[in-house]
Structure formats: C-alpha cells, structure tokens
Amino acid sequence: MKTSRDPRHQKRRSIVQKLFSYSFDQTQTDENISDILSKLSEIDKKITLAAPEWPIDKIAKIDLAVLRNAIYELTRESPEPEKVIIDEAVELSKEFGNDKSSSFINGVLGTIVKKTL
C-alpha cells in the first residue's frame, strides 16, 4: 500500500505504532504518547460508551491504538476538522488493521462525535 508523504499522516502513523507497542509493554513510555496516556481512562470510557458490545480487551490492539489517537485528537483543541481526523483514522486502520477495521473505526468515531463531543 502506498503511504502518504504528508508529515501529519507520518506523525499519526508513528503515534499509532507507539500506542500499539504500549499495549504489549506498559513500562515502555514515550514522550510522543504521554499526553494520550494521561487521558487513557477518559478515552477508553468514550470507546466503551460508543461500542458497548466490544469490551476494550476484545478490540484488536491496532484498532484500539488508532481509536485512542483519533479520540485524543478529537477531544483536544485541534485546528483540523473532525472529518479530517476521522478520515485519517480510517486510512490508518486500512493500512494496519484487518478488512473490518476501517468500518469499525469509522462507526465508533462517528458515534463519539455525535454523542459525546
């Protein structure tokens, strides 16, 4: 798959990879994800409310990493529109996830934007 040369996409890609690694080894920390980790309980609560049939521990770790990054971006003051953040998350899920990841990510983020933001 062709990867984007957009520096914002590359940064998101790197953060998702670090969040994915963190899901296997919580002792591993990185300053690029520390803000996200500090808000992890709030972020995970939003995921739980938006996808109650999918407990956090049952969501694929890469999908969870994509969701956590996107929700963090959606809930902080960002100059980027919600649609751009969601589109980027869907693209990352297509790149790293399975065949159903992109529709799952899109659905969860759409629900969060409609209900909680």
Protein backbone atom coordinates (compact mmCIF):
# COMPACT_ATOMS: atom_id res chain seq x y z
CA MET A 1 0.00 0.00 0.00
CA LYS A 2 1.23 3.47 -0.85
CA THR A 3 1.99 5.56 2.22
CA SER A 4 1.40 9.26 2.44
CA ARG A 5 4.27 11.72 2.47
CA ASP A 6 2.18 14.17 4.49
CA PRO A 7 4.13 14.87 7.71
CA ARG A 8 0.90 14.94 9.76
CA HIS A 9 0.00 11.47 8.49
CA GLN A 10 3.51 10.21 9.25
CA LYS A 11 3.29 11.62 12.79
CA ARG A 12 -0.08 9.94 13.36
CA ARG A 13 1.32 6.72 11.95
CA SER A 14 4.24 6.87 14.37
CA ILE A 15 1.98 7.61 17.35
CA VAL A 16 -0.33 4.71 16.47
CA GLN A 17 2.68 2.39 16.28
CA LYS A 18 3.89 3.59 19.72
CA LEU A 19 0.41 3.15 21.22
CA PHE A 20 0.28 -0.34 19.72
CA SER A 21 3.65 -1.18 21.30
CA TYR A 22 2.46 0.25 24.61
CA SER A 23 -0.48 -2.18 24.60
CA PHE A 24 2.05 -5.02 24.92
CA ASP A 25 4.50 -3.33 27.30
CA GLN A 26 3.16 -0.62 29.61
CA THR A 27 6.61 0.01 31.06
CA GLN A 28 7.64 1.40 27.69
CA THR A 29 6.82 5.08 27.60
CA ASP A 30 7.50 7.70 25.00
CA GLU A 31 7.08 11.45 25.25
CA ASN A 32 5.13 11.46 21.98
CA ILE A 33 2.30 9.46 23.57
CA SER A 34 2.49 10.68 27.17
CA ASP A 35 -0.39 13.16 26.73
CA ILE A 36 -2.58 10.40 25.28
CA LEU A 37 -1.63 8.00 28.08
CA SER A 38 -2.50 10.63 30.70
CA LYS A 39 -6.05 10.71 29.29
CA LEU A 40 -6.37 6.98 28.61
CA SER A 41 -9.16 6.31 31.11
CA GLU A 42 -11.30 9.14 29.64
CA ILE A 43 -10.55 7.97 26.09
CA ASP A 44 -11.35 4.33 26.88
CA LYS A 45 -14.61 5.38 28.57
CA LYS A 46 -15.66 7.06 25.31
CA ILE A 47 -14.83 3.89 23.38
CA THR A 48 -16.83 1.79 25.83
CA LEU A 49 -19.86 4.06 25.52
CA ALA A 50 -19.65 4.16 21.72
CA ALA A 51 -19.10 0.40 21.29
CA PRO A 52 -20.66 -1.30 24.32
CA GLU A 53 -20.68 -4.70 22.57
CA TRP A 54 -16.88 -4.52 22.29
CA PRO A 55 -15.08 -4.52 25.65
CA ILE A 56 -11.71 -2.75 25.49
CA ASP A 57 -9.81 -6.01 25.97
CA LYS A 58 -11.63 -7.59 22.99
CA ILE A 59 -10.83 -4.83 20.50
CA ALA A 60 -7.85 -5.59 18.26
CA LYS A 61 -4.84 -3.81 19.72
CA ILE A 62 -4.07 -1.95 16.48
CA ASP A 63 -7.68 -0.77 16.19
CA LEU A 64 -7.54 0.37 19.80
CA ALA A 65 -4.34 2.32 19.11
CA VAL A 66 -5.95 4.05 16.11
CA LEU A 67 -9.07 4.86 18.13
CA ARG A 68 -7.12 6.19 21.10
CA ASN A 69 -5.08 8.52 18.92
CA ALA A 70 -8.11 9.80 16.99
CA ILE A 71 -10.20 10.34 20.12
CA TYR A 72 -7.35 12.21 21.74
CA GLU A 73 -7.14 14.45 18.67
CA LEU A 74 -10.91 14.95 18.60
CA THR A 75 -11.09 15.95 22.27
CA ARG A 76 -8.23 18.43 22.34
CA GLU A 77 -8.29 21.78 20.64
CA SER A 78 -7.20 20.97 17.14
CA PRO A 79 -7.10 23.16 14.06
CA GLU A 80 -8.15 20.17 11.98
CA PRO A 81 -11.82 19.45 11.35
CA GLU A 82 -13.36 16.32 12.87
CA LYS A 83 -13.86 14.86 9.39
CA VAL A 84 -10.11 15.07 8.63
CA ILE A 85 -9.22 13.34 11.91
CA ILE A 86 -11.75 10.57 11.28
CA ASP A 87 -10.62 10.13 7.66
CA GLU A 88 -7.01 9.84 8.82
CA ALA A 89 -8.00 7.23 11.41
CA VAL A 90 -9.86 5.23 8.76
CA GLU A 91 -6.82 5.39 6.46
CA LEU A 92 -4.54 4.18 9.27
CA SER A 93 -6.94 1.33 10.03
CA LYS A 94 -6.85 0.31 6.36
CA GLU A 95 -3.07 0.38 6.48
CA PHE A 96 -2.60 -1.55 9.73
CA GLY A 97 -5.87 -3.30 10.54
CA ASN A 98 -7.94 -6.08 9.07
CA ASP A 99 -10.74 -5.96 6.47
CA LYS A 100 -13.32 -4.82 9.04
CA SER A 101 -11.16 -2.34 10.93
CA SER A 102 -11.97 0.73 8.85
CA SER A 103 -15.75 0.37 9.17
CA PHE A 104 -15.40 -0.34 12.91
CA ILE A 105 -13.17 2.71 13.44
CA ASN A 106 -15.47 4.92 11.35
CA GLY A 107 -18.55 3.74 13.26
CA VAL A 108 -17.04 4.21 16.72
CA LEU A 109 -15.64 7.65 15.92
CA GLY A 110 -18.88 8.73 14.25
CA THR A 111 -20.83 7.70 17.34
CA ILE A 112 -18.41 9.54 19.63
CA VAL A 113 -18.65 12.73 17.57
CA LYS A 114 -22.47 12.57 17.52
CA LYS A 115 -22.98 11.66 21.17
CA THR A 116 -20.15 12.93 23.31
CA LEU A 117 -18.36 15.87 21.73
